Amino acid sequence: MAQGALKKSKKTTATAQRESRSNARTRPGPRQVAPKKAALVRQAKLNKKLTSGLVLKTERSLAQKAGHLEILAGGKKDKGKGGKK
Protein backbone atom coordinates (compact mmCIF):
# COMPACT_ATOMS: atom_id res chain seq x y z
CA MET A 1 0.00 0.00 0.00
CA ALA A 2 1.52 3.30 -1.09
CA GLN A 3 -0.33 5.53 1.35
CA GLY A 4 0.26 3.59 4.55
CA ALA A 5 -2.14 2.65 7.31
CA LEU A 6 -4.80 5.05 8.54
CA LYS A 7 -4.19 6.70 11.88
CA LYS A 8 -6.86 6.00 14.44
CA SER A 9 -8.16 8.90 16.52
CA LYS A 10 -7.33 8.84 20.22
CA LYS A 11 -10.09 8.51 22.76
CA THR A 12 -10.73 11.68 24.75
CA THR A 13 -9.53 11.58 28.32
CA ALA A 14 -11.25 13.05 31.37
CA THR A 15 -8.66 15.83 31.65
CA ALA A 16 -9.23 16.94 28.05
CA GLN A 17 -12.97 17.15 28.69
CA ARG A 18 -12.41 19.10 31.91
CA GLU A 19 -10.21 21.66 30.13
CA SER A 20 -12.73 22.26 27.37
CA ARG A 21 -15.49 22.83 29.95
CA SER A 22 -13.39 25.37 31.88
CA ASN A 23 -12.61 27.26 28.66
CA ALA A 24 -16.32 27.46 27.86
CA ARG A 25 -16.94 29.31 31.15
CA THR A 26 -14.41 32.04 30.36
CA ARG A 27 -16.37 35.23 29.77
CA PRO A 28 -15.15 38.31 27.92
CA GLY A 29 -15.04 41.40 30.06
CA PRO A 30 -12.89 43.97 31.81
CA ARG A 31 -10.84 41.36 33.68
CA GLN A 32 -7.19 41.51 32.71
CA VAL A 33 -4.02 39.82 33.83
CA ALA A 34 -1.94 42.29 35.82
CA PRO A 35 1.39 43.21 34.20
CA LYS A 36 4.51 41.82 35.84
CA LYS A 37 7.24 44.06 34.43
CA ALA A 38 7.86 47.28 36.37
CA ALA A 39 7.54 49.54 33.33
CA LEU A 40 4.23 47.95 32.36
CA VAL A 41 2.95 48.27 35.94
CA ARG A 42 3.74 52.00 35.92
CA GLN A 43 2.15 52.41 32.50
CA ALA A 44 -1.03 50.60 33.60
CA LYS A 45 -1.27 52.72 36.75
CA LEU A 46 -0.87 55.94 34.77
CA ASN A 47 -3.41 54.79 32.19
CA LYS A 48 -5.95 54.01 34.93
CA LYS A 49 -5.38 57.42 36.55
CA LEU A 50 -5.80 59.33 33.29
CA THR A 51 -8.85 57.31 32.26
CA SER A 52 -10.56 57.95 35.58
CA GLY A 53 -9.88 61.67 35.19
CA LEU A 54 -11.47 61.72 31.75
CA VAL A 55 -14.52 59.82 32.99
CA LEU A 56 -14.90 62.22 35.93
CA LYS A 57 -14.75 65.28 33.65
CA THR A 58 -17.26 63.75 31.24
CA GLU A 59 -19.70 62.90 34.04
CA ARG A 60 -19.40 66.40 35.52
CA SER A 61 -20.10 68.08 32.18
CA LEU A 62 -23.10 65.81 31.55
CA ALA A 63 -24.42 66.51 35.04
CA GLN A 64 -24.11 70.27 34.48
CA LYS A 65 -25.98 70.06 31.18
CA ALA A 66 -28.70 67.85 32.68
CA GLY A 67 -29.03 70.22 35.65
CA HIS A 68 -29.47 73.14 33.26
CA LEU A 69 -32.15 71.28 31.29
CA GLU A 70 -34.16 70.57 34.44
CA ILE A 71 -34.63 74.33 34.92
CA LEU A 72 -36.31 74.69 31.51
CA ALA A 73 -40.08 74.25 31.18
CA GLY A 74 -41.38 70.90 29.93
CA GLY A 75 -38.99 68.79 31.96
CA LYS A 76 -39.74 65.75 34.09
CA LYS A 77 -40.82 67.88 37.05
CA ASP A 78 -43.49 69.76 35.05
CA LYS A 79 -44.99 66.55 33.65
CA GLY A 80 -45.61 65.17 37.15
CA LYS A 81 -47.39 68.33 38.36
CA GLY A 82 -50.03 68.33 35.58
CA GLY A 83 -51.39 64.88 36.35
CA LYS A 84 -54.21 63.16 34.46
CA LYS A 85 -57.42 65.13 33.94
PDB file of N, CA and C in Angstrom:
ATOM      1  N   MET A   1       0.831  -1.180   0.000  1.00  0.00           N
ATOM      2  CA  MET A   1       0.000   0.000   0.000  1.00  0.00           C
ATOM      3  C   MET A   1       0.879   1.248   0.000  1.00  0.00           C
ATOM      4  N   ALA A   2       0.667   2.131  -0.950  1.00  0.00           N
ATOM      5  CA  ALA A   2       1.518   3.299  -1.092  1.00  0.00           C
ATOM      6  C   ALA A   2       1.248   4.357  -0.020  1.00  0.00           C
ATOM      7  N   GLN A   3       0.009   4.447   0.423  1.00  0.00           N
ATOM      8  CA  GLN A   3      -0.327   5.530   1.345  1.00  0.00           C
ATOM      9  C   GLN A   3      -0.037   5.203   2.801  1.00  0.00           C
ATOM     10  N   GLY A   4       0.022   3.964   3.165  1.00  0.00           N
ATOM     11  CA  GLY A   4       0.259   3.592   4.551  1.00  0.00           C
ATOM     12  C   GLY A   4      -1.052   3.402   5.297  1.00  0.00           C
ATOM     13  N   ALA A   5      -0.941   2.937   6.517  1.00  0.00           N
ATOM     14  CA  ALA A   5      -2.137   2.646   7.312  1.00  0.00           C
ATOM     15  C   ALA A   5      -2.777   3.941   7.815  1.00  0.00           C
ATOM     16  N   LEU A   6      -4.085   3.892   8.008  1.00  0.00           N
ATOM     17  CA  LEU A   6      -4.802   5.053   8.535  1.00  0.00           C
ATOM     18  C   LEU A   6      -4.528   5.207  10.027  1.00  0.00           C
ATOM     19  N   LYS A   7      -4.401   6.439  10.465  1.00  0.00           N
ATOM     20  CA  LYS A   7      -4.188   6.699  11.883  1.00  0.00           C
ATOM     21  C   LYS A   7      -5.544   6.713  12.578  1.00  0.00           C
ATOM     22  N   LYS A   8      -5.611   6.022  13.688  1.00  0.00           N
ATOM     23  CA  LYS A   8      -6.862   5.998  14.440  1.00  0.00           C
ATOM     24  C   LYS A   8      -6.882   7.164  15.425  1.00  0.00           C
ATOM     25  N   SER A   9      -8.064   7.763  15.598  1.00  0.00           N
ATOM     26  CA  SER A   9      -8.162   8.898  16.522  1.00  0.00           C
ATOM     27  C   SER A   9      -8.095   8.399  17.959  1.00  0.00           C
ATOM     28  N   LYS A  10      -7.473   9.206  18.815  1.00  0.00           N
ATOM     29  CA  LYS A  10      -7.329   8.837  20.221  1.00  0.00           C
ATOM     30  C   LYS A  10      -8.645   9.096  20.947  1.00  0.00           C
ATOM     31  N   LYS A  11      -8.898   8.298  21.947  1.00  0.00           N
ATOM     32  CA  LYS A  11     -10.094   8.510  22.757  1.00  0.00           C
ATOM     33  C   LYS A  11      -9.850   9.721  23.655  1.00  0.00           C
ATOM     34  N   THR A  12     -10.894  10.502  23.888  1.00  0.00           N
ATOM     35  CA  THR A  12     -10.729  11.678  24.747  1.00  0.00           C
ATOM     36  C   THR A  12     -10.620  11.242  26.196  1.00  0.00           C
ATOM     37  N   THR A  13      -9.727  11.901  26.910  1.00  0.00           N
ATOM     38  CA  THR A  13      -9.532  11.579  28.322  1.00  0.00           C
ATOM     39  C   THR A  13     -10.369  12.521  29.181  1.00  0.00           C
ATOM     40  N   ALA A  14     -10.459  12.224  30.440  1.00  0.00           N
ATOM     41  CA  ALA A  14     -11.250  13.046  31.366  1.00  0.00           C
ATOM     42  C   ALA A  14     -10.640  14.439  31.506  1.00  0.00           C
ATOM     43  N   THR A  15      -9.300  14.520  31.487  1.00  0.00           N
ATOM     44  CA  THR A  15      -8.664  15.828  31.652  1.00  0.00           C
ATOM     45  C   THR A  15      -8.936  16.726  30.448  1.00  0.00           C
ATOM     46  N   ALA A  16      -8.959  16.150  29.255  1.00  0.00           N
ATOM     47  CA  ALA A  16      -9.235  16.944  28.054  1.00  0.00           C
ATOM     48  C   ALA A  16     -10.653  17.490  28.099  1.00  0.00           C
ATOM     49  N   GLN A  17     -11.586  16.688  28.579  1.00  0.00           N
ATOM     50  CA  GLN A  17     -12.970  17.153  28.687  1.00  0.00           C
ATOM     51  C   GLN A  17     -13.089  18.246  29.737  1.00  0.00           C
ATOM     52  N   ARG A  18     -12.371  18.108  30.836  1.00  0.00           N
ATOM     53  CA  ARG A  18     -12.414  19.098  31.910  1.00  0.00           C
ATOM     54  C   ARG A  18     -11.880  20.449  31.416  1.00  0.00           C
ATOM     55  N   GLU A  19     -10.791  20.427  30.650  1.00  0.00           N
ATOM     56  CA  GLU A  19     -10.206  21.660  30.128  1.00  0.00           C
ATOM     57  C   GLU A  19     -11.162  22.376  29.190  1.00  0.00           C
ATOM     58  N   SER A  20     -11.826  21.625  28.320  1.00  0.00           N
ATOM     59  CA  SER A  20     -12.735  22.264  27.370  1.00  0.00           C
ATOM     60  C   SER A  20     -13.920  22.886  28.098  1.00  0.00           C
ATOM     61  N   ARG A  21     -14.383  22.262  29.182  1.00  0.00           N
ATOM     62  CA  ARG A  21     -15.493  22.835  29.951  1.00  0.00           C
ATOM     63  C   ARG A  21     -15.066  24.124  30.641  1.00  0.00           C
ATOM     64  N   SER A  22     -13.849  24.165  31.184  1.00  0.00           N
ATOM     65  CA  SER A  22     -13.392  25.366  31.880  1.00  0.00           C
ATOM     66  C   SER A  22     -13.187  26.517  30.895  1.00  0.00           C
ATOM     67  N   ASN A  23     -12.771  26.218  29.674  1.00  0.00           N
ATOM     68  CA  ASN A  23     -12.608  27.257  28.661  1.00  0.00           C
ATOM     69  C   ASN A  23     -13.955  27.827  28.240  1.00  0.00           C
ATOM     70  N   ALA A  24     -14.991  27.009  28.265  1.00  0.00           N
ATOM     71  CA  ALA A  24     -16.319  27.461  27.863  1.00  0.00           C
ATOM     72  C   ALA A  24     -16.869  28.474  28.862  1.00  0.00           C
ATOM     73  N   ARG A  25     -16.450  28.399  30.119  1.00  0.00           N
ATOM     74  CA  ARG A  25     -16.941  29.312  31.149  1.00  0.00           C
ATOM     75  C   ARG A  25     -16.242  30.664  31.130  1.00  0.00           C
ATOM     76  N   THR A  26     -15.145  30.785  30.409  1.00  0.00           N
ATOM     77  CA  THR A  26     -14.414  32.044  30.360  1.00  0.00           C
ATOM     78  C   THR A  26     -15.268  33.086  29.654  1.00  0.00           C
ATOM     79  N   ARG A  27     -15.518  34.195  30.338  1.00  0.00           N
ATOM     80  CA  ARG A  27     -16.369  35.228  29.766  1.00  0.00           C
ATOM     81  C   ARG A  27     -15.525  36.436  29.371  1.00  0.00           C
ATOM     82  N   PRO A  28     -15.861  37.077  28.262  1.00  0.00           N
ATOM     83  CA  PRO A  28     -15.151  38.309  27.919  1.00  0.00           C
ATOM     84  C   PRO A  28     -15.564  39.411  28.879  1.00  0.00           C
ATOM     85  N   GLY A  29     -14.684  40.329  29.139  1.00  0.00           N
ATOM     86  CA  GLY A  29     -15.038  41.404  30.056  1.00  0.00           C
ATOM     87  C   GLY A  29     -13.827  42.221  30.440  1.00  0.00           C
ATOM     88  N   PRO A  30     -13.978  43.060  31.436  1.00  0.00           N
ATOM     89  CA  PRO A  30     -12.893  43.966  31.809  1.00  0.00           C
ATOM     90  C   PRO A  30     -11.763  43.306  32.588  1.00  0.00           C
ATOM     91  N   ARG A  31     -11.893  42.011  32.919  1.00  0.00           N
ATOM     92  CA  ARG A  31     -10.839  41.356  33.683  1.00  0.00           C
ATOM     93  C   ARG A  31      -9.576  41.236  32.841  1.00  0.00           C
ATOM     94  N   GLN A  32      -8.451  41.607  33.424  1.00  0.00           N
ATOM     95  CA  GLN A  32      -7.186  41.509  32.705  1.00  0.00           C
ATOM     96  C   GLN A  32      -6.134  40.939  33.634  1.00  0.00           C
ATOM     97  N   VAL A  33      -5.142  40.315  33.049  1.00  0.00           N
ATOM     98  CA  VAL A  33      -4.023  39.819  33.828  1.00  0.00           C
ATOM     99  C   VAL A  33      -3.133  41.010  34.145  1.00  0.00           C
ATOM    100  N   ALA A  34      -2.763  41.160  35.410  1.00  0.00           N
ATOM    101  CA  ALA A  34      -1.936  42.289  35.824  1.00  0.00           C
ATOM    102  C   ALA A  34      -0.544  42.153  35.221  1.00  0.00           C
ATOM    103  N   PRO A  35       0.046  43.272  34.765  1.00  0.00           N
ATOM    104  CA  PRO A  35       1.394  43.207  34.199  1.00  0.00           C
ATOM    105  C   PRO A  35       2.429  42.898  35.272  1.00  0.00           C
ATOM    106  N   LYS A  36       3.491  42.219  34.880  1.00  0.00           N
ATOM    107  CA  LYS A  36       4.511  41.824  35.839  1.00  0.00           C
ATOM    108  C   LYS A  36       5.781  42.669  35.742  1.00  0.00           C
ATOM    109  N   LYS A  37       6.051  43.232  34.584  1.00  0.00           N
ATOM    110  CA  LYS A  37       7.244  44.060  34.433  1.00  0.00           C
ATOM    111  C   LYS A  37       6.987  45.432  35.049  1.00  0.00           C
ATOM    112  N   ALA A  38       8.014  46.014  35.649  1.00  0.00           N
ATOM    113  CA  ALA A  38       7.863  47.276  36.374  1.00  0.00           C
ATOM    114  C   ALA A  38       7.387  48.406  35.460  1.00  0.00           C
ATOM    115  N   ALA A  39       7.932  48.467  34.257  1.00  0.00           N
ATOM    116  CA  ALA A  39       7.545  49.538  33.329  1.00  0.00           C
ATOM    117  C   ALA A  39       6.074  49.401  32.936  1.00  0.00           C
ATOM    118  N   LEU A  40       5.627  48.177  32.729  1.00  0.00           N
ATOM    119  CA  LEU A  40       4.232  47.954  32.355  1.00  0.00           C
ATOM    120  C   LEU A  40       3.292  48.237  33.519  1.00  0.00           C
ATOM    121  N   VAL A  41       3.754  47.970  34.752  1.00  0.00           N
ATOM    122  CA  VAL A  41       2.947  48.272  35.936  1.00  0.00           C
ATOM    123  C   VAL A  41       2.748  49.777  36.043  1.00  0.00           C
ATOM    124  N   ARG A  42       3.835  50.534  35.856  1.00  0.00           N
ATOM    125  CA  ARG A  42       3.740  52.004  35.917  1.00  0.00           C
ATOM    126  C   ARG A  42       2.826  52.536  34.823  1.00  0.00           C
ATOM    127  N   GLN A  43       2.966  51.979  33.629  1.00  0.00           N
ATOM    128  CA  GLN A  43       2.151  52.413  32.496  1.00  0.00           C
ATOM    129  C   GLN A  43       0.671  52.126  32.753  1.00  0.00           C
ATOM    130  N   ALA A  44       0.365  50.962  33.309  1.00  0.00           N
ATOM    131  CA  ALA A  44      -1.027  50.604  33.597  1.00  0.00           C
ATOM    132  C   ALA A  44      -1.614  51.516  34.668  1.00  0.00           C
ATOM    133  N   LYS A  45      -0.807  51.843  35.679  1.00  0.00           N
ATOM    134  CA  LYS A  45      -1.270  52.724  36.754  1.00  0.00           C
ATOM    135  C   LYS A  45      -1.566  54.121  36.216  1.00  0.00           C
ATOM    136  N   LEU A  46      -0.678  54.626  35.366  1.00  0.00           N
ATOM    137  CA  LEU A  46      -0.869  55.945  34.770  1.00  0.00           C
ATOM    138  C   LEU A  46      -2.095  55.958  33.862  1.00  0.00           C
ATOM    139  N   ASN A  47      -2.260  54.901  33.086  1.00  0.00           N
ATOM    140  CA  ASN A  47      -3.407  54.789  32.186  1.00  0.00           C
ATOM    141  C   ASN A  47      -4.712  54.801  32.977  1.00  0.00           C
ATOM    142  N   LYS A  48      -4.744  54.070  34.092  1.00  0.00           N
ATOM    143  CA  LYS A  48      -5.945  54.013  34.933  1.00  0.00           C
ATOM    144  C   LYS A  48      -6.248  55.391  35.519  1.00  0.00           C
ATOM    145  N   LYS A  49      -5.212  56.088  35.961  1.00  0.00           N
ATOM    146  CA  LYS A  49      -5.384  57.416  36.555  1.00  0.00           C
ATOM    147  C   LYS A  49      -5.933  58.402  35.526  1.00  0.00           C
ATOM    148  N   LEU A  50      -5.361  58.404  34.329  1.00  0.00           N
ATOM    149  CA  LEU A  50      -5.801  59.331  33.289  1.00  0.00           C
ATOM    150  C   LEU A  50      -7.212  59.005  32.808  1.00  0.00           C
ATOM    151  N   THR A  51      -7.514  57.727  32.694  1.00  0.00           N
ATOM    152  CA  THR A  51      -8.848  57.314  32.260  1.00  0.00           C
ATOM    153  C   THR A  51      -9.897  57.736  33.272  1.00  0.00           C
ATOM    154  N   SER A  52      -9.597  57.562  34.555  1.00  0.00           N
ATOM    155  CA  SER A  52     -10.564  57.946  35.583  1.00  0.00           C
ATOM    156  C   SER A  52     -10.787  59.451  35.574  1.00  0.00           C
ATOM    157  N   GLY A  53      -9.732  60.223  35.293  1.00  0.00           N
ATOM    158  CA  GLY A  53      -9.876  61.673  35.194  1.00  0.00           C
ATOM    159  C   GLY A  53     -10.780  62.075  34.045  1.00  0.00           C
ATOM    160  N   LEU A  54     -10.615  61.416  32.903  1.00  0.00           N
ATOM    161  CA  LEU A  54     -11.469  61.718  31.747  1.00  0.00           C
ATOM    162  C   LEU A  54     -12.927  61.374  32.028  1.00  0.00           C
ATOM    163  N   VAL A  55     -13.153  60.240  32.669  1.00  0.00           N
ATOM    164  CA  VAL A  55     -14.522  59.822  32.993  1.00  0.00           C
ATOM    165  C   VAL A  55     -15.155  60.817  33.951  1.00  0.00           C
ATOM    166  N   LEU A  56     -14.395  61.259  34.947  1.00  0.00           N
ATOM    167  CA  LEU A  56     -14.904  62.220  35.928  1.00  0.00           C
ATOM    168  C   LEU A  56     -15.296  63.528  35.251  1.00  0.00           C
ATOM    169  N   LYS A  57     -14.439  64.033  34.360  1.00  0.00           N
ATOM    170  CA  LYS A  57     -14.748  65.278  33.645  1.00  0.00           C
ATOM    171  C   LYS A  57     -15.994  65.124  32.785  1.00  0.00           C
ATOM    172  N   THR A  58     -16.103  63.997  32.099  1.00  0.00           N
ATOM    173  CA  THR A  58     -17.262  63.748  31.238  1.00  0.00           C
ATOM    174  C   THR A  58     -18.541  63.708  32.060  1.00  0.00           C
ATOM    175  N   GLU A  59     -18.512  63.000  33.194  1.00  0.00           N
ATOM    176  CA  GLU A  59     -19.700  62.901  34.037  1.00  0.00           C
ATOM    177  C   GLU A  59     -20.085  64.264  34.599  1.00  0.00           C
ATOM    178  N   ARG A  60     -19.101  65.061  34.987  1.00  0.00           N
ATOM    179  CA  ARG A  60     -19.404  66.399  35.517  1.00  0.00           C
ATOM    180  C   ARG A  60     -20.068  67.273  34.459  1.00  0.00           C
ATOM    181  N   SER A  61     -19.523  67.237  33.231  1.00  0.00           N
ATOM    182  CA  SER A  61     -20.100  68.076  32.176  1.00  0.00           C
ATOM    183  C   SER A  61     -21.516  67.623  31.835  1.00  0.00           C
ATOM    184  N   LEU A  62     -21.750  66.317  31.812  1.00  0.00           N
ATOM    185  CA  LEU A  62     -23.097  65.811  31.546  1.00  0.00           C
ATOM    186  C   LEU A  62     -24.052  66.187  32.675  1.00  0.00           C
ATOM    187  N   ALA A  63     -23.580  66.143  33.907  1.00  0.00           N
ATOM    188  CA  ALA A  63     -24.425  66.510  35.044  1.00  0.00           C
ATOM    189  C   ALA A  63     -24.780  67.990  34.993  1.00  0.00           C
ATOM    190  N   GLN A  64     -23.832  68.831  34.596  1.00  0.00           N
ATOM    191  CA  GLN A  64     -24.109  70.269  34.477  1.00  0.00           C
ATOM    192  C   GLN A  64     -25.156  70.524  33.410  1.00  0.00           C
ATOM    193  N   LYS A  65     -25.021  69.864  32.267  1.00  0.00           N
ATOM    194  CA  LYS A  65     -25.981  70.056  31.178  1.00  0.00           C
ATOM    195  C   LYS A  65     -27.361  69.547  31.586  1.00  0.00           C
ATOM    196  N   ALA A  66     -27.422  68.407  32.244  1.00  0.00           N
ATOM    197  CA  ALA A  66     -28.703  67.850  32.676  1.00  0.00           C
ATOM    198  C   ALA A  66     -29.334  68.751  33.730  1.00  0.00           C
ATOM    199  N   GLY A  67     -28.519  69.301  34.626  1.00  0.00           N
ATOM    200  CA  GLY A  67     -29.034  70.220  35.646  1.00  0.00           C
ATOM    201  C   GLY A  67     -29.621  71.460  35.006  1.00  0.00           C
ATOM    202  N   HIS A  68     -28.993  71.948  33.965  1.00  0.00           N
ATOM    203  CA  HIS A  68     -29.471  73.135  33.256  1.00  0.00           C
ATOM    204  C   HIS A  68     -30.798  72.831  32.563  1.00  0.00           C
ATOM    205  N   LEU A  69     -30.930  71.647  32.003  1.00  0.00           N
ATOM    206  CA  LEU A  69     -32.150  71.279  31.290  1.00  0.00           C
ATOM    207  C   LEU A  69     -33.326  71.108  32.241  1.00  0.00           C
ATOM    208  N   GLU A  70     -33.068  70.739  33.473  1.00  0.00           N
ATOM    209  CA  GLU A  70     -34.156  70.571  34.440  1.00  0.00           C
ATOM    210  C   GLU A  70     -34.817  71.908  34.762  1.00  0.00           C
ATOM    211  N   ILE A  71     -34.086  72.996  34.625  1.00  0.00           N
ATOM    212  CA  ILE A  71     -34.629  74.329  34.916  1.00  0.00           C
ATOM    213  C   ILE A  71     -35.639  74.738  33.844  1.00  0.00           C
ATOM    214  N   LEU A  72     -35.425  74.313  32.610  1.00  0.00           N
ATOM    215  CA  LEU A  72     -36.306  74.694  31.509  1.00  0.00           C
ATOM    216  C   LEU A  72     -37.691  74.083  31.673  1.00  0.00           C
ATOM    217  N   ALA A  73     -38.714  74.750  31.113  1.00  0.00           N
ATOM    218  CA  ALA A  73     -40.083  74.248  31.185  1.00  0.00           C
ATOM    219  C   ALA A  73     -40.225  72.997  30.324  1.00  0.00           C
ATOM    220  N   GLY A  74     -41.149  72.115  30.701  1.00  0.00           N
ATOM    221  CA  GLY A  74     -41.384  70.899  29.928  1.00  0.00           C
ATOM    222  C   GLY A  74     -40.490  69.753  30.335  1.00  0.00           C
ATOM    223  N   GLY A  75     -39.845  69.866  31.476  1.00  0.00           N
ATOM    224  CA  GLY A  75     -38.988  68.790  31.956  1.00  0.00           C
ATOM    225  C   GLY A  75     -39.785  67.734  32.686  1.00  0.00           C
ATOM    226  N   LYS A  76     -39.082  66.826  33.362  1.00  0.00           N
ATOM    227  CA  LYS A  76     -39.742  65.747  34.091  1.00  0.00           C
ATOM    228  C   LYS A  76     -40.588  66.290  35.239  1.00  0.00           C
ATOM    229  N   LYS A  77     -40.114  67.332  35.893  1.00  0.00           N
ATOM    230  CA  LYS A  77     -40.821  67.882  37.052  1.00  0.00           C
ATOM    231  C   LYS A  77     -42.177  68.459  36.642  1.00  0.00           C
ATOM    232  N   ASP A  78     -42.240  69.151  35.506  1.00  0.00           N
ATOM    233  CA  ASP A  78     -43.490  69.760  35.054  1.00  0.00           C
ATOM    234  C   ASP A  78     -44.509  68.707  34.634  1.00  0.00           C
ATOM    235  N   LYS A  79     -44.067  67.604  34.086  1.00  0.00           N
ATOM    236  CA  LYS A  79     -44.987  66.547  33.646  1.00  0.00           C
ATOM    237  C   LYS A  79     -45.707  65.937  34.847  1.00  0.00           C
ATOM    238  N   GLY A  80     -45.015  65.764  35.953  1.00  0.00           N
ATOM    239  CA  GLY A  80     -45.606  65.168  37.149  1.00  0.00           C
ATOM    240  C   GLY A  80     -46.642  66.071  37.796  1.00  0.00           C
ATOM    241  N   LYS A  81     -46.484  67.377  37.718  1.00  0.00           N
ATOM    242  CA  LYS A  81     -47.393  68.329  38.363  1.00  0.00           C
ATOM    243  C   LYS A  81     -48.744  68.380  37.665  1.00  0.00           C
ATOM    244  N   GLY A  82     -48.782  68.229  36.349  1.00  0.00           N
ATOM    245  CA  GLY A  82     -50.029  68.331  35.579  1.00  0.00           C
ATOM    246  C   GLY A  82     -51.012  67.233  35.934  1.00  0.00           C
ATOM    247  N   GLY A  83     -50.537  66.015  36.012  1.00  0.00           N
ATOM    248  CA  GLY A  83     -51.389  64.881  36.350  1.00  0.00           C
ATOM    249  C   GLY A  83     -52.371  64.573  35.238  1.00  0.00           C
ATOM    250  N   LYS A  84     -53.183  63.535  35.447  1.00  0.00           N
ATOM    251  CA  LYS A  84     -54.208  63.161  34.458  1.00  0.00           C
ATOM    252  C   LYS A  84     -55.501  63.886  34.778  1.00  0.00           C
ATOM    253  N   LYS A  85     -56.166  64.398  33.737  1.00  0.00           N
ATOM    254  CA  LYS A  85     -57.422  65.134  33.937  1.00  0.00           C
ATOM    255  C   LYS A  85     -58.591  64.372  33.387  1.00  0.00           C
TER     256      LYS A  85
END
